[in-house]
Protein backbone atom coordinates (compact mmCIF):
# COMPACT_ATOMS: atom_id res chain seq x y z
CA MET A 1 0.00 0.00 0.00
CA PHE A 2 1.36 3.37 -0.97
CA GLY A 3 0.43 6.90 0.02
CA LEU A 4 2.06 10.08 -1.20
CA MET A 5 3.42 13.10 0.61
CA THR A 6 5.45 16.06 -0.52
CA GLU A 7 7.82 18.45 1.18
CA ALA A 8 8.18 21.95 -0.21
CA VAL A 9 8.99 25.43 1.07
CA ASN A 10 8.41 28.99 -0.07
CA ARG A 11 5.81 28.00 -2.65
CA PRO A 12 5.36 30.83 -5.16
CA THR A 13 1.93 32.34 -5.65
CA THR A 14 2.22 31.99 -9.42
CA ALA A 15 4.11 29.64 -11.67
CA THR A 16 6.25 30.89 -14.49
CA PRO A 17 5.25 28.93 -17.60
CA THR A 18 7.90 27.54 -19.89
CA SER A 19 7.88 25.03 -22.70
CA GLY A 20 10.00 22.08 -23.78
CA LEU A 21 11.52 19.21 -21.86
CA VAL A 22 14.77 20.90 -20.85
CA GLN A 23 15.81 24.51 -21.17
CA SER A 24 19.40 25.51 -21.63
CA VAL A 25 20.05 28.60 -19.54
CA SER A 26 23.12 30.69 -20.16
CA VAL A 27 25.17 31.43 -17.06
CA THR A 28 25.92 34.89 -18.44
CA GLY A 29 23.22 37.24 -17.21
CA ALA A 30 21.27 34.38 -15.62
CA GLY A 31 20.41 36.36 -12.52
CA VAL A 32 17.17 37.69 -13.96
CA ARG A 33 14.72 34.86 -13.53
CA PRO A 34 14.56 31.76 -11.30
CA HIS A 35 14.13 28.29 -12.80
CA TRP A 36 13.72 24.77 -11.46
CA TYR A 37 16.86 22.61 -11.39
CA ALA A 38 17.60 19.08 -10.20
CA ALA A 39 20.20 18.99 -7.43
CA SER A 40 21.99 15.65 -7.27
CA THR A 41 22.55 14.49 -3.69
CA VAL A 42 24.65 11.92 -1.88
CA ALA A 43 22.66 8.67 -1.55
CA ASN A 44 20.05 8.74 1.23
CA HIS A 45 20.74 12.40 2.05
CA GLU A 46 17.72 13.92 0.28
CA LYS A 47 15.85 14.83 3.49
CA GLY A 48 18.97 16.32 5.06
CA VAL A 49 19.53 18.43 1.95
CA ALA A 50 15.88 19.55 2.06
CA ALA A 51 16.33 20.63 5.69
CA GLN A 52 19.46 22.60 4.74
CA LEU A 53 17.61 24.24 1.86
CA SER A 54 14.83 25.27 4.25
CA ALA A 55 17.40 26.80 6.58
CA ARG A 56 18.89 28.74 3.65
CA LEU A 57 15.42 29.84 2.49
CA VAL A 58 15.87 28.17 -0.91
CA GLU A 59 12.63 27.09 -2.54
CA HIS A 60 12.68 23.34 -3.08
CA PHE A 61 10.49 20.34 -3.82
CA LEU A 62 11.16 16.88 -2.40
CA PRO A 63 8.34 14.53 -3.35
CA THR A 64 8.11 11.46 -1.10
CA TYR A 65 5.89 8.41 -0.91
CA GLU A 66 4.99 6.21 2.02
CA SER A 67 5.98 2.57 1.76
CA VAL A 68 5.03 -0.16 4.21
CA ARG A 69 7.90 -2.60 4.75
CA GLN A 70 7.80 -5.88 6.64
CA TRP A 71 10.69 -6.26 9.04
CA LYS A 72 11.36 -9.38 11.12
CA ASP A 73 9.11 -8.45 14.02
CA ARG A 74 6.90 -5.62 12.72
CA ARG A 75 5.59 -3.59 9.79
CA VAL A 76 7.25 -0.22 9.34
CA ARG A 77 6.03 2.82 7.42
CA LEU A 78 8.84 4.66 5.67
CA ARG A 79 8.77 7.94 3.77
CA LEU A 80 11.06 7.55 0.78
CA PRO A 81 12.05 9.97 -2.00
CA LEU A 82 10.02 9.57 -5.17
CA PHE A 83 13.14 10.48 -7.19
CA PRO A 84 16.02 8.95 -5.19
CA GLY A 85 19.19 11.02 -5.26
CA TYR A 86 17.54 14.30 -6.27
CA VAL A 87 15.94 17.37 -4.75
CA PHE A 88 14.39 20.00 -7.04
CA VAL A 89 15.39 23.61 -6.37
CA ARG A 90 14.07 26.84 -7.82
CA LEU A 91 16.57 29.66 -8.01
CA LYS A 92 18.46 32.10 -10.16
CA LEU A 93 21.72 30.64 -11.44
CA CYS A 94 23.64 33.46 -9.83
CA ASP A 95 22.41 32.07 -6.46
CA ARG A 96 23.43 28.46 -7.13
CA LEU A 97 26.24 28.51 -4.54
CA ARG A 98 23.54 28.58 -1.83
CA VAL A 99 22.75 25.02 -2.97
CA LEU A 100 26.18 23.80 -4.08
CA GLN A 101 27.78 24.72 -0.75
CA ILE A 102 25.60 22.17 1.07
CA PRO A 103 27.97 19.26 1.80
CA SER A 104 25.58 16.52 0.62
CA VAL A 105 24.84 18.19 -2.73
CA ALA A 106 27.05 16.83 -5.50
CA ARG A 107 26.01 19.14 -8.36
CA LEU A 108 23.17 20.64 -10.37
CA VAL A 109 22.31 18.34 -13.28
CA SER A 110 23.94 19.93 -16.34
CA PHE A 111 24.38 19.47 -20.07
CA ASN A 112 27.61 20.64 -21.69
CA GLY A 113 28.62 22.28 -18.43
CA THR A 114 25.44 24.36 -18.16
CA PRO A 115 22.81 23.59 -15.48
CA ALA A 116 19.69 22.22 -17.20
CA ALA A 117 16.51 24.09 -16.27
CA LEU A 118 13.35 22.00 -15.89
CA PRO A 119 10.04 23.36 -17.24
CA ASP A 120 8.18 25.23 -14.51
CA THR A 121 4.85 23.94 -15.84
CA GLU A 122 5.87 20.29 -15.43
CA ILE A 123 7.21 20.68 -11.91
CA GLU A 124 4.18 22.72 -10.83
CA ALA A 125 1.74 20.20 -12.37
CA LEU A 126 3.55 17.36 -10.63
CA ARG A 127 3.51 19.22 -7.34
CA ALA A 128 -0.19 20.04 -7.69
CA GLY A 129 -1.05 16.44 -8.54
CA LEU A 130 0.80 15.06 -5.54
CA ALA A 131 -0.79 17.68 -3.27
CA GLU A 132 -4.20 16.40 -4.48
CA GLY A 133 -3.27 12.96 -3.17
CA ILE A 134 -2.52 11.21 -6.46
CA GLN A 135 -0.78 7.90 -5.73
CA ALA A 136 2.65 7.56 -7.28
CA VAL A 137 5.62 5.23 -6.88
CA PRO A 138 9.06 5.08 -8.49
CA HIS A 139 9.24 3.17 -11.78
CA SER A 140 12.18 1.89 -13.77
CA TYR A 141 13.40 4.47 -16.28
CA LEU A 142 11.13 4.23 -19.30
CA LYS A 143 11.56 5.86 -22.70
CA ILE A 144 9.74 3.53 -25.09
CA GLY A 145 5.95 3.42 -25.39
CA ARG A 146 2.81 5.23 -26.47
CA ARG A 147 3.01 8.93 -25.55
CA VAL A 148 -0.07 10.65 -24.17
CA ARG A 149 -0.97 14.01 -22.66
CA VAL A 150 -3.16 14.46 -19.57
CA VAL A 151 -6.16 16.59 -20.58
CA ASP A 152 -7.87 17.22 -17.24
CA GLY A 153 -7.30 17.13 -13.49
CA PRO A 154 -4.34 18.41 -11.49
CA LEU A 155 -1.81 16.79 -13.84
CA GLN A 156 -3.30 18.49 -16.91
CA GLY A 157 -0.68 19.24 -19.54
CA LEU A 158 1.85 16.64 -18.43
CA GLU A 159 3.06 14.22 -21.07
CA GLY A 160 4.10 10.66 -20.39
CA ILE A 161 3.95 7.07 -21.53
CA VAL A 162 1.06 4.68 -20.93
CA ILE A 163 1.49 1.04 -20.07
CA ARG A 164 -1.07 -1.59 -19.16
CA GLN A 165 -0.69 -3.64 -16.03
CA LYS A 166 -3.33 -6.12 -14.80
CA ASN A 167 -6.05 -4.53 -16.97
CA GLN A 168 -5.38 -1.07 -15.53
CA LEU A 169 -3.93 1.97 -17.27
CA ARG A 170 -0.67 3.17 -15.76
CA PHE A 171 0.79 6.55 -16.57
CA VAL A 172 4.58 6.82 -16.42
CA ILE A 173 6.17 10.25 -16.16
CA THR A 174 9.82 10.29 -17.17
CA LEU A 175 12.23 13.10 -16.35
CA ASP A 176 14.90 12.57 -18.98
CA THR A 177 17.15 15.15 -17.34
CA ILE A 178 17.72 12.86 -14.35
CA GLN A 179 16.79 9.57 -16.07
CA ARG A 180 14.11 8.75 -13.50
CA SER A 181 10.47 7.72 -13.90
CA ILE A 182 7.43 7.49 -11.64
CA ARG A 183 4.21 5.54 -12.18
CA LEU A 184 0.67 6.52 -11.30
CA ASP A 185 -2.78 5.15 -11.94
CA ILE A 186 -4.92 7.31 -14.20
CA ASP A 187 -8.33 7.09 -15.82
CA ALA A 188 -8.16 6.40 -19.55
CA SER A 189 -10.60 9.26 -20.20
CA SER A 190 -8.08 11.71 -18.71
CA VAL A 191 -5.47 11.24 -21.44
CA GLU A 192 -5.25 11.82 -25.17
CA LEU A 193 -2.93 10.05 -27.56
CA LEU A 194 -0.25 12.24 -29.10
CA GLN A 195 -0.37 11.43 -32.80
CA HIS A 196 2.76 9.87 -34.26
CA ARG A 197 4.51 10.12 -30.92
CA ARG A 198 5.18 6.46 -30.17
CA ILE A 199 8.81 6.34 -29.11
């Protein structure tokens, strides 16, 4: 049995819409506008990093899920990161040292030496969906399948891949930037097929 919880601080009153899967943001003059980035952490240090980010007043998003594990003598409920090894941070690139100076942060995920900005709309939709109580669990990294877009509900606008499992429709969201996926149950009427987008 899984339940979902999220940890976030300093939630903005409005989201800044962007488009595309990954934005390349130039370091030169990048102090103008904050973006979401994926901060790579030391294994099992995600919650400690989130606490440090709170102390430094850095907006962040650490989605977690509750997993029930059977130990020898009892059942234990654990809150685990939905994207192990990552905490999402929203900041201006000129402020990135506030994150990189945290001992358990390895780096900001980058391409060609430039931190890769994540689309605000995708992070905000994911955060809104989890806040609504949508059940999600980690899934093996998935790139191949039938691509769909969510057309209603809190996840509206998100794109992902659908798979069938035990006669149910499963929606897999993949963040290519960090090569991680999560799986959630979704009603078939809530998605539309993206034409010619089977990958």
